[in-house]
N, C-alpha and C. Protein backbone atom coordinates (compact mmCIF):
# COMPACT_ATOMS: atom_id res chain seq x y z
N UNK A 1 18.03 -3.52 -17.44
CA UNK A 1 18.29 -4.13 -16.16
C UNK A 1 18.16 -3.03 -15.09
N UNK A 2 17.60 -3.41 -13.95
CA UNK A 2 17.39 -2.46 -12.87
C UNK A 2 18.05 -2.97 -11.59
N UNK A 3 18.36 -2.03 -10.70
CA UNK A 3 18.95 -2.34 -9.40
C UNK A 3 18.50 -1.27 -8.42
N UNK A 4 18.86 -1.44 -7.15
CA UNK A 4 18.50 -0.49 -6.10
C UNK A 4 19.76 0.02 -5.44
N UNK A 5 19.74 1.29 -5.03
CA UNK A 5 20.87 1.89 -4.32
C UNK A 5 20.84 1.39 -2.87
N UNK A 6 21.96 0.84 -2.42
CA UNK A 6 22.09 0.39 -1.04
C UNK A 6 23.38 0.97 -0.47
N UNK A 7 23.60 0.73 0.81
CA UNK A 7 24.82 1.19 1.45
C UNK A 7 25.71 -0.01 1.73
N UNK A 8 26.93 0.03 1.20
CA UNK A 8 27.88 -1.04 1.41
C UNK A 8 28.81 -0.75 2.58
N UNK A 9 29.81 -1.60 2.73
CA UNK A 9 30.82 -1.40 3.78
C UNK A 9 31.47 -0.03 3.62
N UNK A 10 31.77 0.60 4.72
CA UNK A 10 32.41 1.91 4.67
C UNK A 10 31.49 3.00 4.14
N UNK A 11 30.17 2.79 4.22
CA UNK A 11 29.17 3.77 3.77
C UNK A 11 29.28 4.05 2.28
N UNK A 12 29.70 3.07 1.51
CA UNK A 12 29.88 3.22 0.07
C UNK A 12 28.58 2.99 -0.68
N UNK A 13 28.25 3.83 -1.67
CA UNK A 13 27.08 3.56 -2.51
C UNK A 13 27.29 2.27 -3.30
N UNK A 14 26.30 1.40 -3.24
CA UNK A 14 26.37 0.13 -3.95
C UNK A 14 25.04 -0.11 -4.66
N UNK A 15 25.03 -1.07 -5.57
CA UNK A 15 23.83 -1.50 -6.26
C UNK A 15 23.50 -2.91 -5.80
N UNK A 16 22.21 -3.20 -5.61
CA UNK A 16 21.77 -4.56 -5.35
C UNK A 16 20.82 -4.95 -6.47
N UNK A 17 21.18 -6.02 -7.16
CA UNK A 17 20.36 -6.53 -8.25
C UNK A 17 19.33 -7.50 -7.70
N UNK A 18 18.30 -7.80 -8.50
CA UNK A 18 17.23 -8.69 -8.06
C UNK A 18 17.74 -10.07 -7.65
N UNK A 19 18.81 -10.53 -8.27
CA UNK A 19 19.34 -11.86 -7.95
C UNK A 19 20.29 -11.85 -6.75
N UNK A 20 20.44 -10.70 -6.09
CA UNK A 20 21.27 -10.60 -4.91
C UNK A 20 22.70 -10.14 -5.15
N UNK A 21 23.11 -10.09 -6.43
CA UNK A 21 24.45 -9.58 -6.74
C UNK A 21 24.56 -8.12 -6.35
N UNK A 22 25.78 -7.67 -6.12
CA UNK A 22 26.00 -6.26 -5.86
C UNK A 22 27.00 -5.72 -6.87
N UNK A 23 26.99 -4.41 -7.02
CA UNK A 23 27.90 -3.72 -7.92
C UNK A 23 28.13 -2.31 -7.42
N UNK A 24 28.96 -1.59 -8.14
CA UNK A 24 29.32 -0.23 -7.76
C UNK A 24 28.83 0.74 -8.83
N UNK A 25 28.01 1.73 -8.47
CA UNK A 25 27.60 2.75 -9.43
C UNK A 25 28.72 3.78 -9.56
N UNK A 26 29.32 3.88 -10.74
CA UNK A 26 30.50 4.73 -10.89
C UNK A 26 30.18 6.18 -11.21
N UNK A 27 28.96 6.49 -11.57
CA UNK A 27 28.68 7.83 -12.04
C UNK A 27 27.76 8.65 -11.14
N UNK A 28 27.52 8.24 -9.92
CA UNK A 28 26.71 9.06 -9.01
C UNK A 28 27.54 10.26 -8.56
N UNK A 29 26.94 11.41 -8.58
CA UNK A 29 27.60 12.63 -8.15
C UNK A 29 26.99 13.07 -6.82
N UNK A 30 27.53 12.58 -5.73
CA UNK A 30 27.00 12.88 -4.41
C UNK A 30 27.93 13.85 -3.70
N UNK A 31 27.36 14.92 -3.20
CA UNK A 31 28.15 15.95 -2.54
C UNK A 31 28.16 15.81 -1.03
N UNK A 32 27.20 15.09 -0.49
CA UNK A 32 27.13 14.99 0.96
C UNK A 32 26.53 13.66 1.38
N UNK A 33 26.72 13.32 2.63
CA UNK A 33 26.12 12.11 3.21
C UNK A 33 24.59 12.20 3.15
N UNK A 34 24.08 13.39 3.37
CA UNK A 34 22.62 13.59 3.33
C UNK A 34 22.07 13.25 1.95
N UNK A 35 22.75 13.70 0.89
CA UNK A 35 22.31 13.37 -0.47
C UNK A 35 22.27 11.86 -0.66
N UNK A 36 23.31 11.18 -0.17
CA UNK A 36 23.36 9.74 -0.30
C UNK A 36 22.19 9.09 0.43
N UNK A 37 21.93 9.50 1.66
CA UNK A 37 20.85 8.91 2.44
C UNK A 37 19.49 9.11 1.77
N UNK A 38 19.32 10.23 1.06
CA UNK A 38 18.07 10.47 0.34
C UNK A 38 17.89 9.51 -0.83
N UNK A 39 18.98 8.92 -1.31
CA UNK A 39 18.91 8.02 -2.47
C UNK A 39 18.78 6.55 -2.10
N UNK A 40 19.04 6.21 -0.83
CA UNK A 40 18.97 4.80 -0.44
C UNK A 40 17.61 4.21 -0.79
N UNK A 41 17.64 3.05 -1.38
CA UNK A 41 16.40 2.37 -1.75
C UNK A 41 15.84 2.77 -3.09
N UNK A 42 16.40 3.79 -3.73
CA UNK A 42 15.89 4.22 -5.04
C UNK A 42 16.24 3.20 -6.12
N UNK A 43 15.34 3.00 -7.02
CA UNK A 43 15.54 2.10 -8.16
C UNK A 43 16.27 2.86 -9.26
N UNK A 44 17.26 2.21 -9.85
CA UNK A 44 18.01 2.81 -10.95
C UNK A 44 18.04 1.85 -12.13
N UNK A 45 18.16 2.42 -13.31
CA UNK A 45 18.34 1.64 -14.52
C UNK A 45 19.84 1.51 -14.78
N UNK A 46 20.31 0.30 -14.97
CA UNK A 46 21.72 0.08 -15.29
C UNK A 46 21.87 0.30 -16.78
N UNK A 47 22.69 1.29 -17.15
CA UNK A 47 22.86 1.66 -18.55
C UNK A 47 23.99 0.89 -19.23
N UNK A 48 25.08 0.65 -18.52
CA UNK A 48 26.19 -0.11 -19.10
C UNK A 48 27.04 -0.70 -17.99
N UNK A 49 27.79 -1.72 -18.35
CA UNK A 49 28.70 -2.36 -17.41
C UNK A 49 30.11 -2.04 -17.87
N UNK A 50 30.85 -1.34 -17.02
CA UNK A 50 32.19 -0.89 -17.38
C UNK A 50 33.26 -1.92 -17.06
N UNK A 51 33.00 -2.76 -16.08
CA UNK A 51 33.89 -3.85 -15.68
C UNK A 51 33.02 -4.84 -14.91
N UNK A 52 33.57 -5.94 -14.44
CA UNK A 52 32.71 -6.93 -13.76
C UNK A 52 31.89 -6.37 -12.59
N UNK A 53 32.36 -5.35 -11.90
CA UNK A 53 31.65 -4.83 -10.73
C UNK A 53 31.20 -3.38 -10.84
N UNK A 54 31.51 -2.70 -11.93
CA UNK A 54 31.26 -1.26 -12.05
C UNK A 54 30.24 -0.97 -13.16
N UNK A 55 29.25 -0.14 -12.82
CA UNK A 55 28.13 0.13 -13.72
C UNK A 55 27.82 1.61 -13.80
N UNK A 56 27.35 2.04 -14.98
CA UNK A 56 26.77 3.38 -15.07
C UNK A 56 25.26 3.21 -14.91
N UNK A 57 24.64 4.16 -14.22
CA UNK A 57 23.22 4.05 -13.90
C UNK A 57 22.50 5.36 -14.20
N UNK A 58 21.18 5.24 -14.29
CA UNK A 58 20.30 6.39 -14.46
C UNK A 58 19.08 6.13 -13.60
N UNK A 59 18.58 7.16 -12.95
CA UNK A 59 17.39 6.97 -12.13
C UNK A 59 16.20 6.66 -13.03
N UNK A 60 15.49 5.60 -12.69
CA UNK A 60 14.39 5.10 -13.51
C UNK A 60 13.29 6.14 -13.64
N UNK A 61 12.90 6.42 -14.87
CA UNK A 61 11.76 7.26 -15.13
C UNK A 61 11.95 8.75 -14.94
N UNK A 62 13.18 9.21 -14.84
CA UNK A 62 13.38 10.65 -14.63
C UNK A 62 14.75 11.07 -15.14
N UNK A 63 14.84 12.33 -15.52
CA UNK A 63 16.13 12.91 -15.85
C UNK A 63 16.70 13.46 -14.57
N UNK A 64 17.73 12.80 -14.07
CA UNK A 64 18.32 13.16 -12.77
C UNK A 64 19.69 13.78 -12.99
N UNK A 65 19.96 14.92 -12.40
CA UNK A 65 21.27 15.54 -12.57
C UNK A 65 22.41 14.83 -11.85
N UNK A 66 22.11 13.84 -11.00
CA UNK A 66 23.16 13.15 -10.27
C UNK A 66 23.79 12.00 -11.04
N UNK A 67 23.34 11.76 -12.27
CA UNK A 67 23.93 10.69 -13.06
C UNK A 67 24.68 11.28 -14.24
N UNK A 68 25.66 10.53 -14.72
CA UNK A 68 26.46 10.99 -15.86
C UNK A 68 25.81 10.58 -17.15
C-alpha cells in the first residue's frame, strides 16, 4: 500500500491514501521544518499499521535514513 506525505492541521506530517483517507506516519525522523517541506508530496510505502490511524512508512524505491 502506498500513500503521499501531506501537511495536516498544525503543520503535522500526515499521509494521504489514494481513497482520500488520512493517517499519521509514526516513524519519520524530521529535525526541522525545512526537512519536512522537502518531503511534502513524496510517495511512501506503508509497511505496517500500528493502530487505526498510525502507520510505519518507508520511502518508495530507496533506503532512506528518515524512516525507522
